[in-house]
């Protein structure tokens, strides 16, 4: 059976969410789950293009 216990859940994988999750996991040794709606984590730290309006 798998252990699905997490100490902390971070919603959003923008720069703030990833920073908090990383610090909690590395310094506080917590099990962290990061949830993101978009298919690429990182929020506005990655590039994307919008369709042009006609």
Protein backbone atom coordinates (compact mmCIF):
# COMPACT_ATOMS: atom_id res chain seq x y z
CA UNK A 1 0.00 0.00 0.00
CA UNK A 2 1.28 3.50 -0.78
CA UNK A 3 1.60 6.22 1.82
CA UNK A 4 -0.34 9.29 0.59
CA UNK A 5 0.49 11.45 3.59
CA UNK A 6 1.79 14.96 2.93
CA UNK A 7 2.81 17.47 5.57
CA UNK A 8 2.13 20.47 3.34
CA UNK A 9 0.15 21.10 0.15
CA UNK A 10 1.19 24.05 -2.03
CA UNK A 11 -1.36 25.22 -4.59
CA UNK A 12 0.29 26.86 -7.59
CA UNK A 13 3.76 26.25 -8.96
CA UNK A 14 4.80 29.82 -9.62
CA UNK A 15 8.12 31.10 -8.34
CA UNK A 16 6.71 31.65 -4.84
CA UNK A 17 5.05 28.25 -4.61
CA UNK A 18 8.12 26.38 -5.85
CA UNK A 19 10.39 28.34 -3.51
CA UNK A 20 8.21 27.59 -0.48
CA UNK A 21 7.87 23.93 -1.42
CA UNK A 22 11.62 23.58 -1.91
CA UNK A 23 12.48 25.26 1.39
CA UNK A 24 9.93 23.20 3.31
CA UNK A 25 11.20 19.97 1.77
CA UNK A 26 14.92 20.69 2.17
CA UNK A 27 15.16 22.64 5.44
CA UNK A 28 12.10 21.46 7.38
CA UNK A 29 12.25 17.91 5.89
CA UNK A 30 8.52 17.93 5.15
CA UNK A 31 6.74 15.90 2.49
CA UNK A 32 5.33 18.51 0.11
CA UNK A 33 2.72 18.13 -2.63
CA UNK A 34 2.68 20.89 -5.29
CA UNK A 35 -0.54 21.19 -7.29
CA UNK A 36 -0.65 23.06 -10.61
CA UNK A 37 -3.51 23.44 -13.10
CA UNK A 38 -1.27 24.29 -16.08
CA UNK A 39 0.68 21.52 -17.85
CA UNK A 40 4.02 23.31 -17.25
CA UNK A 41 5.12 24.25 -13.73
CA UNK A 42 6.69 27.63 -13.11
CA UNK A 43 3.92 30.20 -13.51
CA UNK A 44 5.23 33.31 -15.24
CA UNK A 45 8.82 32.02 -15.16
CA UNK A 46 8.36 30.34 -18.56
CA UNK A 47 7.46 31.79 -21.94
CA UNK A 48 4.18 31.26 -23.71
CA UNK A 49 2.40 32.91 -26.63
CA UNK A 50 -1.20 33.93 -26.90
CA UNK A 51 -3.16 33.66 -30.11
CA UNK A 52 -3.40 36.91 -32.04
CA UNK A 53 -6.80 38.58 -32.20
CA UNK A 54 -8.04 39.37 -35.67
